[in-house]
N, C-alpha and C. Protein backbone atom coordinates (compact mmCIF):
# COMPACT_ATOMS: atom_id res chain seq x y z
N UNK A 1 113.87 129.49 62.20
CA UNK A 1 113.97 129.09 60.82
C UNK A 1 114.90 127.88 60.68
N UNK A 2 116.03 127.90 61.38
CA UNK A 2 116.98 126.79 61.30
C UNK A 2 116.37 125.52 61.87
N UNK A 3 115.62 125.64 62.95
CA UNK A 3 114.95 124.48 63.55
C UNK A 3 113.92 123.91 62.57
N UNK A 4 113.20 124.75 61.93
CA UNK A 4 112.21 124.29 60.95
C UNK A 4 112.88 123.56 59.80
N UNK A 5 113.98 124.09 59.30
CA UNK A 5 114.71 123.42 58.22
C UNK A 5 115.26 122.07 58.68
N UNK A 6 115.74 122.00 59.91
CA UNK A 6 116.26 120.75 60.46
C UNK A 6 115.15 119.71 60.55
N UNK A 7 114.00 120.12 61.07
CA UNK A 7 112.86 119.20 61.15
C UNK A 7 112.41 118.74 59.77
N UNK A 8 112.40 119.64 58.81
CA UNK A 8 112.01 119.31 57.45
C UNK A 8 113.00 118.31 56.83
N UNK A 9 114.29 118.51 57.08
CA UNK A 9 115.32 117.59 56.55
C UNK A 9 115.19 116.21 57.17
N UNK A 10 114.98 116.15 58.48
CA UNK A 10 114.82 114.85 59.16
C UNK A 10 113.58 114.14 58.64
N UNK A 11 112.49 114.87 58.48
CA UNK A 11 111.27 114.28 57.92
C UNK A 11 111.48 113.77 56.51
N UNK A 12 112.20 114.52 55.70
CA UNK A 12 112.49 114.08 54.32
C UNK A 12 113.32 112.82 54.29
N UNK A 13 114.32 112.74 55.15
CA UNK A 13 115.14 111.52 55.22
C UNK A 13 114.32 110.32 55.68
N UNK A 14 113.44 110.54 56.64
CA UNK A 14 112.59 109.45 57.12
C UNK A 14 111.68 108.96 56.00
N UNK A 15 111.12 109.86 55.22
CA UNK A 15 110.26 109.47 54.11
C UNK A 15 111.05 108.72 53.05
N UNK A 16 112.27 109.15 52.79
CA UNK A 16 113.10 108.49 51.77
C UNK A 16 113.43 107.06 52.19
N UNK A 17 113.78 106.86 53.45
CA UNK A 17 114.11 105.50 53.90
C UNK A 17 112.88 104.61 53.91
N UNK A 18 111.73 105.17 54.27
CA UNK A 18 110.49 104.40 54.26
C UNK A 18 110.10 104.01 52.84
N UNK A 19 110.27 104.91 51.90
CA UNK A 19 109.91 104.59 50.52
C UNK A 19 110.82 103.50 49.96
N UNK A 20 112.08 103.45 50.37
CA UNK A 20 112.97 102.37 49.92
C UNK A 20 112.49 101.02 50.46
N UNK A 21 112.05 100.98 51.72
CA UNK A 21 111.54 99.73 52.29
C UNK A 21 110.27 99.29 51.57
N UNK A 22 109.40 100.23 51.30
CA UNK A 22 108.16 99.92 50.60
C UNK A 22 108.46 99.42 49.19
N UNK A 23 109.41 100.03 48.53
CA UNK A 23 109.80 99.59 47.18
C UNK A 23 110.31 98.16 47.17
N UNK A 24 111.13 97.79 48.14
CA UNK A 24 111.62 96.41 48.23
C UNK A 24 110.48 95.44 48.50
N UNK A 25 109.58 95.82 49.39
CA UNK A 25 108.43 94.96 49.71
C UNK A 25 107.55 94.75 48.48
N UNK A 26 107.34 95.81 47.70
CA UNK A 26 106.54 95.67 46.49
C UNK A 26 107.21 94.75 45.48
N UNK A 27 108.52 94.82 45.38
CA UNK A 27 109.26 93.95 44.46
C UNK A 27 109.10 92.48 44.88
N UNK A 28 109.23 92.21 46.17
CA UNK A 28 109.07 90.83 46.67
C UNK A 28 107.64 90.36 46.41
N UNK A 29 106.66 91.22 46.63
CA UNK A 29 105.27 90.84 46.37
C UNK A 29 105.02 90.57 44.90
N UNK A 30 105.67 91.31 44.01
CA UNK A 30 105.52 91.08 42.58
C UNK A 30 106.07 89.71 42.19
N UNK A 31 107.23 89.36 42.74
CA UNK A 31 107.81 88.04 42.43
C UNK A 31 106.94 86.94 43.01
N UNK A 32 106.42 87.14 44.22
CA UNK A 32 105.54 86.14 44.84
C UNK A 32 104.27 85.95 44.02
N UNK A 33 103.70 87.04 43.53
CA UNK A 33 102.50 86.94 42.71
C UNK A 33 102.79 86.20 41.40
N UNK A 34 103.94 86.51 40.78
CA UNK A 34 104.32 85.82 39.54
C UNK A 34 104.51 84.33 39.79
N UNK A 35 105.11 83.97 40.94
CA UNK A 35 105.31 82.56 41.29
C UNK A 35 103.96 81.86 41.47
N UNK A 36 103.02 82.54 42.09
CA UNK A 36 101.69 81.95 42.27
C UNK A 36 101.00 81.74 40.93
N UNK A 37 101.18 82.69 40.01
CA UNK A 37 100.60 82.53 38.66
C UNK A 37 101.25 81.37 37.91
N UNK A 38 102.57 81.21 38.06
CA UNK A 38 103.27 80.09 37.42
C UNK A 38 102.70 78.76 37.95
N UNK A 39 102.52 78.67 39.27
CA UNK A 39 101.99 77.44 39.87
C UNK A 39 100.56 77.18 39.40
N UNK A 40 99.71 78.20 39.40
CA UNK A 40 98.32 78.01 38.97
C UNK A 40 98.24 77.60 37.51
N UNK A 41 99.07 78.21 36.67
CA UNK A 41 99.08 77.86 35.25
C UNK A 41 99.52 76.42 35.04
N UNK A 42 100.56 75.99 35.76
CA UNK A 42 101.04 74.62 35.61
C UNK A 42 99.98 73.62 36.08
N UNK A 43 99.30 73.92 37.17
CA UNK A 43 98.23 73.03 37.65
C UNK A 43 97.11 72.95 36.62
N UNK A 44 96.75 74.08 36.00
CA UNK A 44 95.72 74.06 34.95
C UNK A 44 96.15 73.25 33.74
N UNK A 45 97.41 73.36 33.35
CA UNK A 45 97.93 72.58 32.21
C UNK A 45 97.86 71.09 32.53
N UNK A 46 98.28 70.71 33.73
CA UNK A 46 98.24 69.30 34.11
C UNK A 46 96.81 68.80 34.20
N UNK A 47 95.90 69.62 34.70
CA UNK A 47 94.49 69.22 34.80
C UNK A 47 93.87 69.04 33.42
N UNK A 48 94.26 69.90 32.46
CA UNK A 48 93.70 69.81 31.11
C UNK A 48 94.15 68.53 30.41
N UNK A 49 95.38 68.11 30.66
CA UNK A 49 95.88 66.86 30.08
C UNK A 49 95.93 65.77 31.13
N UNK A 50 94.86 65.63 31.85
CA UNK A 50 94.78 64.80 33.04
C UNK A 50 95.34 63.38 32.85
N UNK A 51 94.95 62.73 31.81
CA UNK A 51 95.37 61.33 31.58
C UNK A 51 96.88 61.21 31.29
N UNK A 52 97.46 62.24 30.68
CA UNK A 52 98.87 62.21 30.30
C UNK A 52 99.77 63.01 31.23
N UNK A 53 99.23 63.50 32.33
CA UNK A 53 100.00 64.36 33.24
C UNK A 53 101.17 63.59 33.85
N UNK A 54 102.32 64.26 33.93
CA UNK A 54 103.52 63.64 34.49
C UNK A 54 104.28 64.67 35.32
N UNK A 55 105.09 64.19 36.22
CA UNK A 55 105.91 65.05 37.06
C UNK A 55 106.97 65.75 36.21
N UNK A 56 107.47 66.90 36.71
CA UNK A 56 108.49 67.62 35.96
C UNK A 56 108.97 68.85 36.70
N UNK A 57 109.79 69.63 36.01
CA UNK A 57 110.30 70.89 36.57
C UNK A 57 110.58 71.85 35.44
N UNK A 58 110.61 73.15 35.81
CA UNK A 58 110.87 74.20 34.83
C UNK A 58 111.44 75.41 35.57
N UNK A 59 112.29 76.15 34.88
CA UNK A 59 112.83 77.39 35.41
C UNK A 59 112.36 78.51 34.51
N UNK A 60 111.67 79.49 35.10
CA UNK A 60 111.12 80.60 34.34
C UNK A 60 111.52 81.91 35.00
N UNK A 61 112.39 82.67 34.35
CA UNK A 61 112.92 83.92 34.89
C UNK A 61 113.55 83.68 36.26
N UNK A 62 113.00 84.24 37.33
CA UNK A 62 113.57 84.08 38.67
C UNK A 62 112.89 82.97 39.46
N UNK A 63 112.04 82.18 38.81
CA UNK A 63 111.19 81.23 39.53
C UNK A 63 111.50 79.80 39.09
N UNK A 64 111.78 78.94 40.08
CA UNK A 64 111.95 77.50 39.82
C UNK A 64 110.65 76.81 40.18
N UNK A 65 110.13 76.03 39.26
CA UNK A 65 108.86 75.34 39.45
C UNK A 65 109.10 73.84 39.35
N UNK A 66 108.56 73.11 40.31
CA UNK A 66 108.67 71.65 40.30
C UNK A 66 107.33 71.06 40.72
N UNK A 67 106.86 70.06 39.98
CA UNK A 67 105.57 69.46 40.28
C UNK A 67 105.67 67.95 40.24
N UNK A 68 104.81 67.33 41.04
CA UNK A 68 104.73 65.87 41.03
C UNK A 68 103.26 65.48 40.85
N UNK A 69 103.07 64.41 40.14
CA UNK A 69 101.73 63.92 39.85
C UNK A 69 101.61 62.50 40.38
N UNK A 70 100.59 62.26 41.20
CA UNK A 70 100.30 60.92 41.70
C UNK A 70 98.89 60.55 41.23
N UNK A 71 98.66 59.26 41.10
CA UNK A 71 97.35 58.78 40.66
C UNK A 71 96.74 57.89 41.75
N UNK A 72 95.92 58.49 42.63
CA UNK A 72 95.33 57.69 43.70
C UNK A 72 94.35 56.64 43.18
N UNK A 73 93.71 56.93 42.05
CA UNK A 73 92.87 55.94 41.38
C UNK A 73 92.78 56.30 39.90
N UNK A 74 92.01 55.56 39.13
CA UNK A 74 91.97 55.74 37.68
C UNK A 74 91.27 57.02 37.26
N UNK A 75 90.54 57.66 38.16
CA UNK A 75 89.74 58.82 37.78
C UNK A 75 90.21 60.14 38.39
N UNK A 76 91.34 60.12 39.08
CA UNK A 76 91.83 61.35 39.72
C UNK A 76 93.35 61.42 39.63
N UNK A 77 93.85 62.65 39.65
CA UNK A 77 95.29 62.86 39.81
C UNK A 77 95.49 63.81 41.00
N UNK A 78 96.59 63.61 41.67
CA UNK A 78 96.96 64.41 42.84
C UNK A 78 98.21 65.20 42.45
N UNK A 79 98.09 66.52 42.38
CA UNK A 79 99.18 67.39 41.92
C UNK A 79 99.75 68.16 43.10
N UNK A 80 101.06 68.12 43.25
CA UNK A 80 101.75 68.96 44.23
C UNK A 80 102.74 69.83 43.46
N UNK A 81 102.57 71.14 43.59
CA UNK A 81 103.40 72.11 42.87
C UNK A 81 104.19 72.93 43.88
N UNK A 82 105.50 73.06 43.64
CA UNK A 82 106.36 73.90 44.49
C UNK A 82 107.05 74.93 43.62
N UNK A 83 106.99 76.18 44.04
CA UNK A 83 107.68 77.26 43.34
C UNK A 83 108.66 77.91 44.30
N UNK A 84 109.89 78.13 43.83
CA UNK A 84 110.94 78.75 44.65
C UNK A 84 111.41 80.02 43.97
N UNK A 85 111.69 81.04 44.79
CA UNK A 85 112.14 82.32 44.25
C UNK A 85 112.95 83.03 45.33
N UNK A 86 113.74 84.00 44.89
CA UNK A 86 114.59 84.75 45.81
C UNK A 86 113.85 85.95 46.38
N UNK A 87 114.07 86.20 47.66
CA UNK A 87 113.54 87.39 48.33
C UNK A 87 114.70 88.08 49.03
N UNK A 88 114.44 89.22 49.63
CA UNK A 88 115.49 89.93 50.35
C UNK A 88 115.93 89.14 51.57
N UNK A 89 115.08 88.27 52.10
CA UNK A 89 115.42 87.46 53.26
C UNK A 89 115.98 86.09 52.89
N UNK A 90 116.21 85.82 51.62
CA UNK A 90 116.73 84.53 51.17
C UNK A 90 115.76 83.86 50.23
N UNK A 91 115.98 82.60 49.98
CA UNK A 91 115.16 81.82 49.05
C UNK A 91 113.86 81.41 49.74
N UNK A 92 112.74 81.51 49.04
CA UNK A 92 111.44 81.13 49.59
C UNK A 92 110.81 80.09 48.68
N UNK A 93 110.12 79.13 49.26
CA UNK A 93 109.41 78.09 48.51
C UNK A 93 107.96 78.06 48.97
N UNK A 94 107.05 78.15 48.01
CA UNK A 94 105.61 78.03 48.28
C UNK A 94 105.12 76.75 47.63
N UNK A 95 104.25 76.03 48.32
CA UNK A 95 103.71 74.77 47.80
C UNK A 95 102.21 74.87 47.61
N UNK A 96 101.73 74.23 46.56
CA UNK A 96 100.31 74.20 46.23
C UNK A 96 99.91 72.75 45.98
N UNK A 97 98.68 72.42 46.31
CA UNK A 97 98.22 71.04 46.17
C UNK A 97 96.83 71.06 45.54
N UNK A 98 96.58 70.14 44.61
CA UNK A 98 95.28 70.03 43.98
C UNK A 98 94.99 68.57 43.66
N UNK A 99 93.73 68.21 43.82
CA UNK A 99 93.24 66.89 43.39
C UNK A 99 92.26 67.16 42.27
N UNK A 100 92.51 66.54 41.11
CA UNK A 100 91.73 66.82 39.90
C UNK A 100 91.05 65.54 39.44
N UNK A 101 89.75 65.64 39.15
CA UNK A 101 89.00 64.52 38.56
C UNK A 101 89.25 64.48 37.06
N UNK A 102 89.60 63.32 36.54
CA UNK A 102 89.82 63.17 35.11
C UNK A 102 88.51 62.76 34.45
N UNK A 103 88.19 63.42 33.34
CA UNK A 103 86.93 63.06 32.66
C UNK A 103 87.01 61.70 32.00
């Protein structure tokens, strides 16, 4: 009986530590997903106002967003978007790139 209780306690502790790791990973994934949505939204906004698009930056909650707009020719814009956010392993930056035809 004592051995069974010991094994049950060890198993419970292992499950508790694993659930804490999974919880942290889910939190990081949620922030990463939000950062990707911020980047996609900003690229859509710049594409919608193609002729007036300009470089800039914004801070939204835990996410820093910075974008640059280049004009390779009169009918296109080249957008580079970088989003930075904190993770358990430190600060992470993801970059996105889009070339948009202006109507």
